[in-house]
Amino acid sequence: MKPAQFEYFAPTTVDETVATLAEQTKAEGLTAPVITVIGRPETPVRPDRRLLLQKVLIGLAAGLILGLFVVLARHFFPSGEGEASDEVAEFAALKRAAVDDLTHPWRPVRRALRLRGRAVY
């Protein structure tokens, strides 16, 4: 049995694709699964509101449970910020200063100009 070779074609709809492939398999003598097209799909006039309240309540309950899990995890597993050493405190201060310089780019320039004016030669 030789492998099937398919040619490229540009179908316009799914049912045309299925029909084309079914005809091609019949022509090659292969057995194809039986596919019955009942009718064309139609877009609904209004959105489907079935089970909307249940879906909303399930989403709220899932969010509540997830939030409760995060709160309990943060309560029982503290990050240890209260035990910071001097180096950690200095690093945090430098980090805050760097972020402040990035968010306010003209402050370092003003600081440099003020320091130049105070310099004694």
N, C-alpha and C. Protein backbone atom coordinates (compact mmCIF):
# COMPACT_ATOMS: atom_id res chain seq x y z
N MET A 1 0.85 -1.19 0.00
CA MET A 1 0.00 0.00 0.00
C MET A 1 0.89 1.24 0.00
N LYS A 2 0.71 2.10 -0.94
CA LYS A 2 1.54 3.30 -1.03
C LYS A 2 0.93 4.42 -0.20
N PRO A 3 1.76 5.35 0.31
CA PRO A 3 1.23 6.45 1.13
C PRO A 3 0.41 7.40 0.27
N ALA A 4 -0.61 7.97 0.89
CA ALA A 4 -1.49 8.91 0.18
C ALA A 4 -0.78 10.23 -0.02
N GLN A 5 -0.93 10.78 -1.21
CA GLN A 5 -0.36 12.09 -1.50
C GLN A 5 -1.51 13.05 -1.78
N PHE A 6 -1.51 14.16 -1.06
CA PHE A 6 -2.58 15.14 -1.20
C PHE A 6 -2.06 16.35 -1.92
N GLU A 7 -2.89 16.89 -2.77
CA GLU A 7 -2.55 18.13 -3.45
C GLU A 7 -3.11 19.30 -2.65
N TYR A 8 -2.47 20.44 -2.82
CA TYR A 8 -2.93 21.64 -2.12
C TYR A 8 -4.17 22.19 -2.83
N PHE A 9 -5.18 22.52 -2.03
CA PHE A 9 -6.36 23.17 -2.56
C PHE A 9 -6.84 24.17 -1.52
N ALA A 10 -7.60 25.14 -1.98
CA ALA A 10 -8.07 26.20 -1.09
C ALA A 10 -9.58 26.12 -0.96
N PRO A 11 -10.09 25.33 0.00
CA PRO A 11 -11.54 25.25 0.16
C PRO A 11 -12.09 26.51 0.83
N THR A 12 -13.35 26.75 0.59
CA THR A 12 -13.95 27.94 1.16
C THR A 12 -14.68 27.66 2.46
N THR A 13 -15.17 26.43 2.66
CA THR A 13 -15.86 26.10 3.89
C THR A 13 -15.43 24.73 4.37
N VAL A 14 -15.77 24.42 5.60
CA VAL A 14 -15.39 23.15 6.21
C VAL A 14 -16.09 22.00 5.51
N ASP A 15 -17.36 22.16 5.19
CA ASP A 15 -18.08 21.05 4.56
C ASP A 15 -17.55 20.76 3.17
N GLU A 16 -17.05 21.77 2.45
CA GLU A 16 -16.41 21.51 1.16
C GLU A 16 -15.12 20.72 1.35
N THR A 17 -14.38 21.03 2.41
CA THR A 17 -13.15 20.31 2.70
C THR A 17 -13.45 18.84 2.99
N VAL A 18 -14.44 18.60 3.82
CA VAL A 18 -14.80 17.23 4.17
C VAL A 18 -15.27 16.48 2.94
N ALA A 19 -16.09 17.12 2.12
CA ALA A 19 -16.58 16.47 0.90
C ALA A 19 -15.43 16.15 -0.05
N THR A 20 -14.50 17.07 -0.21
CA THR A 20 -13.37 16.85 -1.10
C THR A 20 -12.51 15.70 -0.62
N LEU A 21 -12.23 15.65 0.68
CA LEU A 21 -11.41 14.57 1.23
C LEU A 21 -12.13 13.23 1.12
N ALA A 22 -13.45 13.21 1.32
CA ALA A 22 -14.21 11.97 1.18
C ALA A 22 -14.16 11.46 -0.25
N GLU A 23 -14.31 12.35 -1.23
CA GLU A 23 -14.23 11.95 -2.64
C GLU A 23 -12.84 11.45 -2.99
N GLN A 24 -11.82 12.09 -2.43
CA GLN A 24 -10.45 11.68 -2.72
C GLN A 24 -10.16 10.30 -2.16
N THR A 25 -10.64 10.01 -0.96
CA THR A 25 -10.40 8.69 -0.38
C THR A 25 -11.17 7.61 -1.14
N LYS A 26 -12.37 7.93 -1.64
CA LYS A 26 -13.12 6.97 -2.47
C LYS A 26 -12.38 6.68 -3.76
N ALA A 27 -11.82 7.74 -4.36
CA ALA A 27 -11.11 7.57 -5.63
C ALA A 27 -9.85 6.72 -5.45
N GLU A 28 -9.21 6.81 -4.30
CA GLU A 28 -8.00 6.04 -4.05
C GLU A 28 -8.31 4.64 -3.54
N GLY A 29 -9.57 4.35 -3.29
CA GLY A 29 -9.95 3.02 -2.83
C GLY A 29 -9.76 2.82 -1.34
N LEU A 30 -9.59 3.86 -0.59
CA LEU A 30 -9.44 3.76 0.86
C LEU A 30 -10.81 3.81 1.52
N THR A 31 -10.89 3.24 2.70
CA THR A 31 -12.16 3.33 3.43
C THR A 31 -12.16 4.61 4.24
N ALA A 32 -13.20 5.37 4.09
CA ALA A 32 -13.32 6.64 4.79
C ALA A 32 -14.42 6.53 5.84
N PRO A 33 -14.27 7.22 6.95
CA PRO A 33 -15.36 7.22 7.92
C PRO A 33 -16.59 7.92 7.34
N VAL A 34 -17.74 7.48 7.77
CA VAL A 34 -18.98 8.05 7.28
C VAL A 34 -19.24 9.36 8.01
N ILE A 35 -19.39 10.41 7.23
CA ILE A 35 -19.65 11.74 7.79
C ILE A 35 -20.94 12.25 7.18
N THR A 36 -21.85 12.65 8.03
CA THR A 36 -23.12 13.18 7.56
C THR A 36 -23.23 14.64 7.97
N VAL A 37 -23.41 15.52 7.02
CA VAL A 37 -23.59 16.94 7.29
C VAL A 37 -25.08 17.18 7.46
N ILE A 38 -25.49 17.52 8.65
CA ILE A 38 -26.91 17.71 8.94
C ILE A 38 -27.39 19.07 8.46
N GLY A 39 -26.66 20.09 8.77
CA GLY A 39 -27.06 21.43 8.35
C GLY A 39 -25.92 22.40 8.59
N ARG A 40 -26.02 23.55 7.98
CA ARG A 40 -24.98 24.56 8.15
C ARG A 40 -25.12 25.20 9.52
N PRO A 41 -24.01 25.49 10.19
CA PRO A 41 -24.09 26.16 11.48
C PRO A 41 -24.54 27.60 11.32
N GLU A 42 -25.31 28.06 12.28
CA GLU A 42 -25.80 29.43 12.25
C GLU A 42 -25.35 30.14 13.52
N THR A 43 -25.02 31.42 13.39
CA THR A 43 -24.66 32.18 14.57
C THR A 43 -25.92 32.56 15.33
N PRO A 44 -25.89 32.51 16.65
CA PRO A 44 -27.10 32.84 17.40
C PRO A 44 -27.43 34.33 17.31
N VAL A 45 -28.72 34.63 17.44
CA VAL A 45 -29.17 36.01 17.39
C VAL A 45 -28.73 36.75 18.64
N ARG A 46 -28.87 36.08 19.82
CA ARG A 46 -28.46 36.65 21.10
C ARG A 46 -27.42 35.74 21.75
N PRO A 47 -26.60 36.29 22.64
CA PRO A 47 -25.64 35.44 23.35
C PRO A 47 -26.36 34.39 24.19
N ASP A 48 -25.67 33.26 24.38
CA ASP A 48 -26.23 32.16 25.16
C ASP A 48 -26.12 32.49 26.64
N ARG A 49 -27.26 32.64 27.31
CA ARG A 49 -27.27 33.01 28.72
C ARG A 49 -27.52 31.82 29.64
N ARG A 50 -27.49 30.61 29.09
CA ARG A 50 -27.74 29.44 29.92
C ARG A 50 -26.62 29.31 30.95
N LEU A 51 -26.99 29.02 32.14
CA LEU A 51 -26.07 28.78 33.25
C LEU A 51 -25.16 29.96 33.54
N LEU A 52 -25.55 31.17 33.15
CA LEU A 52 -24.71 32.34 33.37
C LEU A 52 -24.50 32.61 34.85
N LEU A 53 -25.56 32.54 35.65
CA LEU A 53 -25.45 32.80 37.08
C LEU A 53 -24.56 31.74 37.75
N GLN A 54 -24.71 30.50 37.34
CA GLN A 54 -23.88 29.45 37.92
C GLN A 54 -22.42 29.65 37.57
N LYS A 55 -22.13 30.05 36.34
CA LYS A 55 -20.74 30.29 35.93
C LYS A 55 -20.14 31.46 36.71
N VAL A 56 -20.92 32.51 36.93
CA VAL A 56 -20.44 33.66 37.69
C VAL A 56 -20.17 33.25 39.14
N LEU A 57 -21.09 32.50 39.74
CA LEU A 57 -20.90 32.07 41.12
C LEU A 57 -19.72 31.13 41.27
N ILE A 58 -19.51 30.25 40.32
CA ILE A 58 -18.35 29.36 40.37
C ILE A 58 -17.06 30.17 40.25
N GLY A 59 -17.04 31.18 39.38
CA GLY A 59 -15.87 32.03 39.25
C GLY A 59 -15.58 32.82 40.52
N LEU A 60 -16.63 33.35 41.13
CA LEU A 60 -16.45 34.08 42.39
C LEU A 60 -15.94 33.16 43.50
N ALA A 61 -16.51 31.95 43.58
CA ALA A 61 -16.06 31.00 44.61
C ALA A 61 -14.61 30.59 44.38
N ALA A 62 -14.23 30.35 43.13
CA ALA A 62 -12.84 29.98 42.83
C ALA A 62 -11.90 31.13 43.18
N GLY A 63 -12.28 32.37 42.88
CA GLY A 63 -11.45 33.52 43.24
C GLY A 63 -11.33 33.70 44.73
N LEU A 64 -12.42 33.47 45.44
CA LEU A 64 -12.40 33.57 46.90
C LEU A 64 -11.49 32.51 47.51
N ILE A 65 -11.59 31.30 47.03
CA ILE A 65 -10.75 30.21 47.56
C ILE A 65 -9.28 30.49 47.24
N LEU A 66 -8.98 30.93 46.03
CA LEU A 66 -7.60 31.25 45.67
C LEU A 66 -7.06 32.40 46.52
N GLY A 67 -7.86 33.44 46.72
CA GLY A 67 -7.43 34.56 47.55
C GLY A 67 -7.21 34.14 48.99
N LEU A 68 -8.09 33.29 49.52
CA LEU A 68 -7.94 32.79 50.88
C LEU A 68 -6.67 31.97 51.01
N PHE A 69 -6.37 31.17 49.99
CA PHE A 69 -5.14 30.37 50.00
C PHE A 69 -3.91 31.28 50.04
N VAL A 70 -3.92 32.35 49.26
CA VAL A 70 -2.78 33.27 49.24
C VAL A 70 -2.62 33.96 50.59
N VAL A 71 -3.73 34.39 51.19
CA VAL A 71 -3.67 35.06 52.50
C VAL A 71 -3.13 34.11 53.56
N LEU A 72 -3.61 32.88 53.57
CA LEU A 72 -3.13 31.92 54.56
C LEU A 72 -1.67 31.57 54.34
N ALA A 73 -1.25 31.45 53.10
CA ALA A 73 0.15 31.15 52.81
C ALA A 73 1.05 32.29 53.27
N ARG A 74 0.63 33.52 53.04
CA ARG A 74 1.45 34.66 53.47
C ARG A 74 1.47 34.78 54.99
N HIS A 75 0.38 34.36 55.64
CA HIS A 75 0.33 34.42 57.10
C HIS A 75 1.22 33.36 57.74
N PHE A 76 1.15 32.14 57.25
CA PHE A 76 1.89 31.05 57.87
C PHE A 76 3.33 30.94 57.37
N PHE A 77 3.66 31.52 56.25
CA PHE A 77 5.02 31.51 55.71
C PHE A 77 5.46 32.95 55.47
N PRO A 78 5.85 33.68 56.53
CA PRO A 78 6.24 35.09 56.34
C PRO A 78 7.51 35.19 55.52
N SER A 79 7.68 36.33 54.88
CA SER A 79 8.83 36.53 54.00
C SER A 79 10.11 36.82 54.76
N GLY A 80 10.03 37.13 56.03
CA GLY A 80 11.23 37.37 56.84
C GLY A 80 11.78 38.77 56.69
N GLU A 81 10.97 39.75 56.35
CA GLU A 81 11.46 41.12 56.18
C GLU A 81 11.83 41.76 57.51
N GLY A 82 11.31 41.29 58.62
CA GLY A 82 11.61 41.86 59.92
C GLY A 82 13.02 41.53 60.41
N GLU A 83 13.66 40.54 59.85
CA GLU A 83 14.98 40.10 60.28
C GLU A 83 16.08 40.60 59.35
N ALA A 84 15.90 41.76 58.73
CA ALA A 84 16.85 42.26 57.75
C ALA A 84 18.12 42.76 58.44
N SER A 85 19.26 42.40 57.87
CA SER A 85 20.53 42.88 58.40
C SER A 85 20.83 44.27 57.83
N ASP A 86 21.95 44.84 58.23
CA ASP A 86 22.32 46.17 57.76
C ASP A 86 22.55 46.18 56.25
N GLU A 87 23.16 45.12 55.74
CA GLU A 87 23.43 45.07 54.30
C GLU A 87 22.15 44.99 53.50
N VAL A 88 21.18 44.23 54.01
CA VAL A 88 19.90 44.11 53.31
C VAL A 88 19.17 45.44 53.35
N ALA A 89 19.21 46.14 54.48
CA ALA A 89 18.56 47.45 54.58
C ALA A 89 19.23 48.45 53.64
N GLU A 90 20.57 48.41 53.55
CA GLU A 90 21.27 49.30 52.65
C GLU A 90 20.93 49.00 51.19
N PHE A 91 20.86 47.70 50.86
CA PHE A 91 20.49 47.31 49.50
C PHE A 91 19.08 47.80 49.16
N ALA A 92 18.14 47.66 50.10
CA ALA A 92 16.77 48.11 49.87
C ALA A 92 16.72 49.62 49.66
N ALA A 93 17.51 50.36 50.44
CA ALA A 93 17.54 51.82 50.27
C ALA A 93 18.13 52.20 48.92
N LEU A 94 19.21 51.53 48.50
CA LEU A 94 19.81 51.81 47.19
C LEU A 94 18.84 51.44 46.06
N LYS A 95 18.11 50.35 46.24
CA LYS A 95 17.14 49.94 45.23
C LYS A 95 16.03 50.97 45.10
N ARG A 96 15.53 51.46 46.24
CA ARG A 96 14.49 52.50 46.20
C ARG A 96 15.01 53.76 45.52
N ALA A 97 16.26 54.13 45.83
CA ALA A 97 16.85 55.33 45.21
C ALA A 97 17.00 55.15 43.70
N ALA A 98 17.41 53.96 43.27
CA ALA A 98 17.57 53.70 41.83
C ALA A 98 16.22 53.75 41.12
N VAL A 99 15.20 53.16 41.72
CA VAL A 99 13.87 53.19 41.12
C VAL A 99 13.35 54.61 41.09
N ASP A 100 13.63 55.38 42.14
CA ASP A 100 13.21 56.78 42.17
C ASP A 100 13.91 57.58 41.07
N ASP A 101 15.20 57.30 40.85
CA ASP A 101 15.94 57.99 39.79
C ASP A 101 15.40 57.61 38.41
N LEU A 102 14.98 56.36 38.25
CA LEU A 102 14.44 55.94 36.95
C LEU A 102 13.06 56.52 36.69
N THR A 103 12.25 56.64 37.73
CA THR A 103 10.91 57.17 37.53
C THR A 103 10.89 58.69 37.46
N HIS A 104 11.92 59.35 37.99
CA HIS A 104 12.04 60.81 37.92
C HIS A 104 13.43 61.14 37.37
N PRO A 105 13.61 61.11 36.05
CA PRO A 105 14.95 61.19 35.47
C PRO A 105 15.65 62.53 35.64
N TRP A 106 14.94 63.60 35.95
CA TRP A 106 15.61 64.89 36.08
C TRP A 106 16.14 65.12 37.48
N ARG A 107 15.75 64.34 38.47
CA ARG A 107 16.26 64.53 39.84
C ARG A 107 17.76 64.32 39.94
N PRO A 108 18.35 63.28 39.34
CA PRO A 108 19.82 63.15 39.43
C PRO A 108 20.55 64.32 38.78
N VAL A 109 19.98 64.87 37.71
CA VAL A 109 20.63 66.00 37.04
C VAL A 109 20.59 67.22 37.95
N ARG A 110 19.43 67.47 38.59
CA ARG A 110 19.33 68.60 39.52
C ARG A 110 20.29 68.43 40.70
N ARG A 111 20.37 67.21 41.22
CA ARG A 111 21.29 66.95 42.34
C ARG A 111 22.73 67.22 41.93
N ALA A 112 23.11 66.79 40.73
CA ALA A 112 24.48 67.01 40.26
C ALA A 112 24.76 68.50 40.08
N LEU A 113 23.80 69.27 39.58
CA LEU A 113 24.01 70.70 39.39
C LEU A 113 24.10 71.42 40.74
N ARG A 114 23.31 70.98 41.73
CA ARG A 114 23.39 71.58 43.07
C ARG A 114 24.73 71.30 43.72
N LEU A 115 25.24 70.09 43.56
CA LEU A 115 26.53 69.74 44.15
C LEU A 115 27.66 70.51 43.47
N ARG A 116 27.58 70.77 42.18
CA ARG A 116 28.63 71.49 41.48
C ARG A 116 28.67 72.94 41.96
N GLY A 117 27.52 73.52 42.25
CA GLY A 117 27.47 74.90 42.72
C GLY A 117 28.04 75.03 44.12
N ARG A 118 28.01 74.01 44.94
CA ARG A 118 28.52 74.08 46.30
C ARG A 118 30.01 73.75 46.41
N ALA A 119 30.58 73.23 45.36
CA ALA A 119 31.98 72.81 45.43
C ALA A 119 32.89 74.03 45.62
N VAL A 120 33.90 73.86 46.47
CA VAL A 120 34.85 74.94 46.76
C VAL A 120 36.17 74.58 46.07
N TYR A 121 36.69 75.54 45.26
CA TYR A 121 37.93 75.31 44.55
C TYR A 121 39.08 75.90 45.27
